[in-house]
Full PDB file with SEQRES, HELIX, SHEET, SSBOND, CRYST1, ORIGX, SCALE, CONECT and MASTER records, all heavy atoms in Angstrom:
SEQRES   1 A   32  VAL ARG ALA CYS ALA LEU GLY GLN ALA ALA ALA SER LEU          
SEQRES   2 A   32  MET GLY ALA HIS ALA ILE GLY ARG THR PRO GLU GLU LEU          
SEQRES   3 A   32  ALA GLU ALA ARG ASP GLY                                      
HELIX    1 AA1 ALA A    5  HIS A   17  1                                  13    
HELIX    2 AA2 PRO A   23  ASP A   31  1                                   9    
CRYST1    1.000    1.000    1.000  90.00  90.00  90.00 P 1           1          
ORIGX1      1.000000  0.000000  0.000000        0.00000                         
ORIGX2      0.000000  1.000000  0.000000        0.00000                         
ORIGX3      0.000000  0.000000  1.000000        0.00000                         
SCALE1      1.000000  0.000000  0.000000        0.00000                         
SCALE2      0.000000  1.000000  0.000000        0.00000                         
SCALE3      0.000000  0.000000  1.000000        0.00000                         
ATOM      1  N   VAL A   1     121.553  98.465  83.914  1.00  0.00           N  
ATOM      2  CA  VAL A   1     122.399  99.509  84.491  1.00  0.00           C  
ATOM      3  C   VAL A   1     122.320  99.473  86.010  1.00  0.00           C  
ATOM      4  O   VAL A   1     121.235  99.561  86.582  1.00  0.00           O  
ATOM      5  CB  VAL A   1     121.962 100.904  83.978  1.00  0.00           C  
ATOM      6  CG1 VAL A   1     122.835 102.001  84.567  1.00  0.00           C  
ATOM      7  CG2 VAL A   1     121.979 100.950  82.459  1.00  0.00           C  
ATOM      8  N   ARG A   2     123.468  99.339  86.637  1.00  0.00           N  
ATOM      9  CA  ARG A   2     123.605  99.407  88.094  1.00  0.00           C  
ATOM     10  C   ARG A   2     124.717 100.421  88.349  1.00  0.00           C  
ATOM     11  O   ARG A   2     125.882 100.062  88.474  1.00  0.00           O  
ATOM     12  CB  ARG A   2     123.983  98.045  88.680  1.00  0.00           C  
ATOM     13  CG  ARG A   2     122.991  96.947  88.374  1.00  0.00           C  
ATOM     14  CD  ARG A   2     121.693  97.151  89.152  1.00  0.00           C  
ATOM     15  NE  ARG A   2     120.742  96.100  88.872  1.00  0.00           N  
ATOM     16  CZ  ARG A   2     119.661  96.232  88.106  1.00  0.00           C  
ATOM     17  NH1 ARG A   2     119.397  97.380  87.526  1.00  0.00           N  
ATOM     18  NH2 ARG A   2     118.839  95.227  87.930  1.00  0.00           N  
ATOM     19  N   ALA A   3     124.336 101.680  88.371  1.00  0.00           N  
ATOM     20  CA  ALA A   3     125.338 102.749  88.431  1.00  0.00           C  
ATOM     21  C   ALA A   3     124.798 103.933  89.216  1.00  0.00           C  
ATOM     22  O   ALA A   3     123.605 104.010  89.513  1.00  0.00           O  
ATOM     23  CB  ALA A   3     125.716 103.189  87.015  1.00  0.00           C  
ATOM     24  N   CYS A   4     125.696 104.850  89.498  1.00  0.00           N  
ATOM     25  CA  CYS A   4     125.309 106.104  90.138  1.00  0.00           C  
ATOM     26  C   CYS A   4     124.455 106.925  89.172  1.00  0.00           C  
ATOM     27  O   CYS A   4     124.286 106.560  88.010  1.00  0.00           O  
ATOM     28  CB  CYS A   4     126.557 106.885  90.541  1.00  0.00           C  
ATOM     29  SG  CYS A   4     127.511 107.498  89.126  1.00  0.00           S  
ATOM     30  N   ALA A   5     123.937 108.028  89.641  1.00  0.00           N  
ATOM     31  CA  ALA A   5     123.067 108.861  88.809  1.00  0.00           C  
ATOM     32  C   ALA A   5     123.771 109.325  87.534  1.00  0.00           C  
ATOM     33  O   ALA A   5     123.142 109.410  86.471  1.00  0.00           O  
ATOM     34  CB  ALA A   5     122.556 110.060  89.604  1.00  0.00           C  
ATOM     35  N   LEU A   6     125.065 109.613  87.609  1.00  0.00           N  
ATOM     36  CA  LEU A   6     125.788 110.050  86.413  1.00  0.00           C  
ATOM     37  C   LEU A   6     125.891 108.917  85.394  1.00  0.00           C  
ATOM     38  O   LEU A   6     125.684 109.128  84.190  1.00  0.00           O  
ATOM     39  CB  LEU A   6     127.177 110.562  86.781  1.00  0.00           C  
ATOM     40  CG  LEU A   6     127.189 111.869  87.583  1.00  0.00           C  
ATOM     41  CD1 LEU A   6     128.567 112.127  88.147  1.00  0.00           C  
ATOM     42  CD2 LEU A   6     126.715 113.024  86.732  1.00  0.00           C  
ATOM     43  N   GLY A   7     126.204 107.720  85.849  1.00  0.00           N  
ATOM     44  CA  GLY A   7     126.259 106.570  84.954  1.00  0.00           C  
ATOM     45  C   GLY A   7     124.898 106.242  84.377  1.00  0.00           C  
ATOM     46  O   GLY A   7     124.768 105.884  83.202  1.00  0.00           O  
ATOM     47  N   GLN A   8     123.853 106.378  85.183  1.00  0.00           N  
ATOM     48  CA  GLN A   8     122.498 106.156  84.703  1.00  0.00           C  
ATOM     49  C   GLN A   8     122.105 107.199  83.661  1.00  0.00           C  
ATOM     50  O   GLN A   8     121.485 106.871  82.651  1.00  0.00           O  
ATOM     51  CB  GLN A   8     121.518 106.191  85.867  1.00  0.00           C  
ATOM     52  CG  GLN A   8     121.643 105.034  86.810  1.00  0.00           C  
ATOM     53  CD  GLN A   8     120.725 105.193  88.017  1.00  0.00           C  
ATOM     54  OE1 GLN A   8     119.695 105.857  87.956  1.00  0.00           O  
ATOM     55  NE2 GLN A   8     121.112 104.582  89.125  1.00  0.00           N  
ATOM     56  N   ALA A   9     122.456 108.448  83.901  1.00  0.00           N  
ATOM     57  CA  ALA A   9     122.132 109.519  82.947  1.00  0.00           C  
ATOM     58  C   ALA A   9     122.832 109.281  81.615  1.00  0.00           C  
ATOM     59  O   ALA A   9     122.242 109.456  80.546  1.00  0.00           O  
ATOM     60  CB  ALA A   9     122.525 110.880  83.521  1.00  0.00           C  
ATOM     61  N   ALA A  10     124.098 108.862  81.672  1.00  0.00           N  
ATOM     62  CA  ALA A  10     124.829 108.569  80.437  1.00  0.00           C  
ATOM     63  C   ALA A  10     124.193 107.392  79.701  1.00  0.00           C  
ATOM     64  O   ALA A  10     124.044 107.418  78.475  1.00  0.00           O  
ATOM     65  CB  ALA A  10     126.298 108.275  80.742  1.00  0.00           C  
ATOM     66  N   ALA A  11     123.786 106.350  80.444  1.00  0.00           N  
ATOM     67  CA  ALA A  11     123.125 105.198  79.828  1.00  0.00           C  
ATOM     68  C   ALA A  11     121.810 105.617  79.187  1.00  0.00           C  
ATOM     69  O   ALA A  11     121.431 105.118  78.120  1.00  0.00           O  
ATOM     70  CB  ALA A  11     122.893 104.108  80.860  1.00  0.00           C  
ATOM     71  N   SER A  12     121.123 106.537  79.813  1.00  0.00           N  
ATOM     72  CA  SER A  12     119.869 107.047  79.263  1.00  0.00           C  
ATOM     73  C   SER A  12     120.097 107.747  77.924  1.00  0.00           C  
ATOM     74  O   SER A  12     119.377 107.500  76.947  1.00  0.00           O  
ATOM     75  CB  SER A  12     119.220 108.007  80.264  1.00  0.00           C  
ATOM     76  OG  SER A  12     117.973 108.457  79.801  1.00  0.00           O  
ATOM     77  N   LEU A  13     121.109 108.601  77.870  1.00  0.00           N  
ATOM     78  CA  LEU A  13     121.423 109.305  76.623  1.00  0.00           C  
ATOM     79  C   LEU A  13     121.921 108.346  75.543  1.00  0.00           C  
ATOM     80  O   LEU A  13     121.572 108.490  74.370  1.00  0.00           O  
ATOM     81  CB  LEU A  13     122.467 110.389  76.873  1.00  0.00           C  
ATOM     82  CG  LEU A  13     121.964 111.611  77.631  1.00  0.00           C  
ATOM     83  CD1 LEU A  13     123.129 112.511  78.025  1.00  0.00           C  
ATOM     84  CD2 LEU A  13     120.938 112.373  76.810  1.00  0.00           C  
ATOM     85  N   MET A  14     122.711 107.366  75.935  1.00  0.00           N  
ATOM     86  CA  MET A  14     123.202 106.398  74.961  1.00  0.00           C  
ATOM     87  C   MET A  14     122.024 105.608  74.403  1.00  0.00           C  
ATOM     88  O   MET A  14     121.839 105.504  73.200  1.00  0.00           O  
ATOM     89  CB  MET A  14     124.233 105.461  75.612  1.00  0.00           C  
ATOM     90  CG  MET A  14     124.924 104.509  74.649  1.00  0.00           C  
ATOM     91  SD  MET A  14     123.999 103.000  74.297  1.00  0.00           S  
ATOM     92  CE  MET A  14     123.887 102.270  75.912  1.00  0.00           C  
ATOM     93  N   GLY A  15     121.200 105.065  75.280  1.00  0.00           N  
ATOM     94  CA  GLY A  15     120.077 104.246  74.842  1.00  0.00           C  
ATOM     95  C   GLY A  15     119.041 104.985  74.031  1.00  0.00           C  
ATOM     96  O   GLY A  15     118.443 104.425  73.108  1.00  0.00           O  
ATOM     97  N   ALA A  16     118.836 106.242  74.346  1.00  0.00           N  
ATOM     98  CA  ALA A  16     117.825 107.032  73.640  1.00  0.00           C  
ATOM     99  C   ALA A  16     118.186 107.309  72.190  1.00  0.00           C  
ATOM    100  O   ALA A  16     117.305 107.572  71.372  1.00  0.00           O  
ATOM    101  CB  ALA A  16     117.604 108.360  74.374  1.00  0.00           C  
ATOM    102  N   HIS A  17     119.469 107.228  71.856  1.00  0.00           N  
ATOM    103  CA  HIS A  17     119.910 107.612  70.516  1.00  0.00           C  
ATOM    104  C   HIS A  17     120.700 106.537  69.782  1.00  0.00           C  
ATOM    105  O   HIS A  17     121.260 106.793  68.721  1.00  0.00           O  
ATOM    106  CB  HIS A  17     120.746 108.891  70.603  1.00  0.00           C  
ATOM    107  CG  HIS A  17     120.022 110.019  71.262  1.00  0.00           C  
ATOM    108  ND1 HIS A  17     119.009 110.718  70.643  1.00  0.00           N  
ATOM    109  CD2 HIS A  17     120.134 110.533  72.510  1.00  0.00           C  
ATOM    110  CE1 HIS A  17     118.528 111.628  71.482  1.00  0.00           C  
ATOM    111  NE2 HIS A  17     119.192 111.534  72.617  1.00  0.00           N  
ATOM    112  N   ALA A  18     120.768 105.330  70.324  1.00  0.00           N  
ATOM    113  CA  ALA A  18     121.623 104.287  69.745  1.00  0.00           C  
ATOM    114  C   ALA A  18     120.999 103.534  68.574  1.00  0.00           C  
ATOM    115  O   ALA A  18     121.719 103.091  67.674  1.00  0.00           O  
ATOM    116  CB  ALA A  18     122.029 103.288  70.826  1.00  0.00           C  
ATOM    117  N   ILE A  19     119.688 103.374  68.570  1.00  0.00           N  
ATOM    118  CA  ILE A  19     119.044 102.593  67.517  1.00  0.00           C  
ATOM    119  C   ILE A  19     119.297 103.268  66.160  1.00  0.00           C  
ATOM    120  O   ILE A  19     119.115 104.471  65.995  1.00  0.00           O  
ATOM    121  CB  ILE A  19     117.534 102.442  67.776  1.00  0.00           C  
ATOM    122  CG1 ILE A  19     117.280 101.818  69.150  1.00  0.00           C  
ATOM    123  CG2 ILE A  19     116.871 101.628  66.660  1.00  0.00           C  
ATOM    124  CD1 ILE A  19     117.901 100.453  69.371  1.00  0.00           C  
ATOM    125  N   GLY A  20     119.750 102.453  65.210  1.00  0.00           N  
ATOM    126  CA  GLY A  20     120.053 102.963  63.870  1.00  0.00           C  
ATOM    127  C   GLY A  20     121.488 103.428  63.691  1.00  0.00           C  
ATOM    128  O   GLY A  20     121.902 103.764  62.586  1.00  0.00           O  
ATOM    129  N   ARG A  21     122.271 103.426  64.762  1.00  0.00           N  
ATOM    130  CA  ARG A  21     123.664 103.890  64.683  1.00  0.00           C  
ATOM    131  C   ARG A  21     124.595 102.773  64.239  1.00  0.00           C  
ATOM    132  O   ARG A  21     124.337 101.592  64.464  1.00  0.00           O  
ATOM    133  CB  ARG A  21     124.135 104.399  66.045  1.00  0.00           C  
ATOM    134  CG  ARG A  21     123.345 105.552  66.611  1.00  0.00           C  
ATOM    135  CD  ARG A  21     123.584 106.833  65.850  1.00  0.00           C  
ATOM    136  NE  ARG A  21     122.896 107.943  66.490  1.00  0.00           N  
ATOM    137  CZ  ARG A  21     123.427 109.123  66.689  1.00  0.00           C  
ATOM    138  NH1 ARG A  21     124.648 109.392  66.283  1.00  0.00           N  
ATOM    139  NH2 ARG A  21     122.726 110.064  67.282  1.00  0.00           N  
ATOM    140  N   THR A  22     125.693 103.170  63.650  1.00  0.00           N  
ATOM    141  CA  THR A  22     126.723 102.223  63.217  1.00  0.00           C  
ATOM    142  C   THR A  22     127.733 102.015  64.340  1.00  0.00           C  
ATOM    143  O   THR A  22     127.824 102.838  65.266  1.00  0.00           O  
ATOM    144  CB  THR A  22     127.481 102.764  61.989  1.00  0.00           C  
ATOM    145  OG1 THR A  22     128.194 103.951  62.380  1.00  0.00           O  
ATOM    146  CG2 THR A  22     126.548 103.061  60.829  1.00  0.00           C  
ATOM    147  N   PRO A  23     128.527 100.952  64.244  1.00  0.00           N  
ATOM    148  CA  PRO A  23     129.601 100.779  65.233  1.00  0.00           C  
ATOM    149  C   PRO A  23     130.553 101.975  65.267  1.00  0.00           C  
ATOM    150  O   PRO A  23     131.020 102.362  66.339  1.00  0.00           O  
ATOM    151  CB  PRO A  23     130.317  99.512  64.756  1.00  0.00           C  
ATOM    152  CG  PRO A  23     129.267  98.736  64.039  1.00  0.00           C  
ATOM    153  CD  PRO A  23     128.417  99.784  63.362  1.00  0.00           C  
ATOM    154  N   GLU A  24     130.810 102.562  64.113  1.00  0.00           N  
ATOM    155  CA  GLU A  24     131.703 103.730  64.059  1.00  0.00           C  
ATOM    156  C   GLU A  24     131.110 104.915  64.817  1.00  0.00           C  
ATOM    157  O   GLU A  24     131.835 105.644  65.508  1.00  0.00           O  
ATOM    158  CB  GLU A  24     131.985 104.133  62.605  1.00  0.00           C  
ATOM    159  CG  GLU A  24     132.793 103.127  61.826  1.00  0.00           C  
ATOM    160  CD  GLU A  24     131.976 101.941  61.289  1.00  0.00           C  
ATOM    161  OE1 GLU A  24     130.718 101.999  61.298  1.00  0.00           O  
ATOM    162  OE2 GLU A  24     132.602 100.943  60.898  1.00  0.00           O  
ATOM    163  N   GLU A  25     129.814 105.115  64.681  1.00  0.00           N  
ATOM    164  CA  GLU A  25     129.168 106.222  65.386  1.00  0.00           C  
ATOM    165  C   GLU A  25     129.208 106.008  66.901  1.00  0.00           C  
ATOM    166  O   GLU A  25     129.406 106.966  67.665  1.00  0.00           O  
ATOM    167  CB  GLU A  25     127.727 106.388  64.914  1.00  0.00           C  
ATOM    168  CG  GLU A  25     127.617 106.952  63.516  1.00  0.00           C  
ATOM    169  CD  GLU A  25     126.204 106.933  62.978  1.00  0.00           C  
ATOM    170  OE1 GLU A  25     125.548 105.866  63.029  1.00  0.00           O  
ATOM    171  OE2 GLU A  25     125.756 107.994  62.494  1.00  0.00           O  
ATOM    172  N   LEU A  26     129.024 104.774  67.330  1.00  0.00           N  
ATOM    173  CA  LEU A  26     129.107 104.491  68.764  1.00  0.00           C  
ATOM    174  C   LEU A  26     130.524 104.708  69.284  1.00  0.00           C  
ATOM    175  O   LEU A  26     130.717 105.273  70.369  1.00  0.00           O  
ATOM    176  CB  LEU A  26     128.643 103.069  69.053  1.00  0.00           C  
ATOM    177  CG  LEU A  26     127.143 102.819  68.856  1.00  0.00           C  
ATOM    178  CD1 LEU A  26     126.831 101.340  68.956  1.00  0.00           C  
ATOM    179  CD2 LEU A  26     126.330 103.615  69.851  1.00  0.00           C  
ATOM    180  N   ALA A  27     131.519 104.280  68.523  1.00  0.00           N  
ATOM    181  CA  ALA A  27     132.910 104.492  68.926  1.00  0.00           C  
ATOM    182  C   ALA A  27     133.244 105.985  68.942  1.00  0.00           C  
ATOM    183  O   ALA A  27     133.943 106.465  69.848  1.00  0.00           O  
ATOM    184  CB  ALA A  27     133.858 103.742  67.993  1.00  0.00           C  
ATOM    185  N   GLU A  28     132.743 106.710  67.979  1.00  0.00           N  
ATOM    186  CA  GLU A  28     132.975 108.156  67.928  1.00  0.00           C  
ATOM    187  C   GLU A  28     132.350 108.850  69.134  1.00  0.00           C  
ATOM    188  O   GLU A  28     132.954 109.752  69.728  1.00  0.00           O  
ATOM    189  CB  GLU A  28     132.400 108.721  66.629  1.00  0.00           C  
ATOM    190  CG  GLU A  28     132.653 110.185  66.428  1.00  0.00           C  
ATOM    191  CD  GLU A  28     132.098 110.660  65.093  1.00  0.00           C  
ATOM    192  OE1 GLU A  28     132.532 110.145  64.047  1.00  0.00           O  
ATOM    193  OE2 GLU A  28     131.213 111.544  65.110  1.00  0.00           O  
ATOM    194  N   ALA A  29     131.145 108.433  69.521  1.00  0.00           N  
ATOM    195  CA  ALA A  29     130.490 109.021  70.693  1.00  0.00           C  
ATOM    196  C   ALA A  29     131.287 108.715  71.960  1.00  0.00           C  
ATOM    197  O   ALA A  29     131.501 109.600  72.797  1.00  0.00           O  
ATOM    198  CB  ALA A  29     129.065 108.489  70.812  1.00  0.00           C  
ATOM    199  N   ARG A  30     131.733 107.476  72.106  1.00  0.00           N  
ATOM    200  CA  ARG A  30     132.549 107.078  73.265  1.00  0.00           C  
ATOM    201  C   ARG A  30     133.817 107.921  73.338  1.00  0.00           C  
ATOM    202  O   ARG A  30     134.156 108.473  74.384  1.00  0.00           O  
ATOM    203  CB  ARG A  30     132.909 105.596  73.147  1.00  0.00           C  
ATOM    204  CG  ARG A  30     133.852 105.099  74.228  1.00  0.00           C  
ATOM    205  CD  ARG A  30     134.591 103.851  73.815  1.00  0.00           C  
ATOM    206  NE  ARG A  30     135.372 104.097  72.603  1.00  0.00           N  
ATOM    207  CZ  ARG A  30     135.639 103.173  71.684  1.00  0.00           C  
ATOM    208  NH1 ARG A  30     135.218 101.938  71.819  1.00  0.00           N  
ATOM    209  NH2 ARG A  30     136.358 103.488  70.616  1.00  0.00           N  
ATOM    210  N   ASP A  31     134.510 108.029  72.221  1.00  0.00           N  
ATOM    211  CA  ASP A  31     135.775 108.761  72.199  1.00  0.00           C  
ATOM    212  C   ASP A  31     135.567 110.254  72.424  1.00  0.00           C  
ATOM    213  O   ASP A  31     136.342 110.885  73.148  1.00  0.00           O  
ATOM    214  CB  ASP A  31     136.496 108.522  70.872  1.00  0.00           C  
ATOM    215  CG  ASP A  31     136.903 107.068  70.689  1.00  0.00           C  
ATOM    216  OD1 ASP A  31     136.873 106.288  71.675  1.00  0.00           O  
ATOM    217  OD2 ASP A  31     137.225 106.699  69.542  1.00  0.00           O  
ATOM    218  N   GLY A  32     134.528 110.815  71.822  1.00  0.00           N  
ATOM    219  CA  GLY A  32     134.248 112.234  72.007  1.00  0.00           C  
ATOM    220  C   GLY A  32     133.927 112.563  73.452  1.00  0.00           C  
ATOM    221  O   GLY A  32     134.411 113.565  74.000  1.00  0.00           O  
TER     222      GLY A  32                                                      
MASTER        0    0    0    2    0    0    0    6  221    1    0    3          
END                                                                             
């Protein structure tokens, strides 16, 4: 990650909860 604090914070939340997720769940999170 090479981003501003907001991009870093989003990457932190994504990474903290991504393990075990399906592609559909990741797409749903992105869209939501």
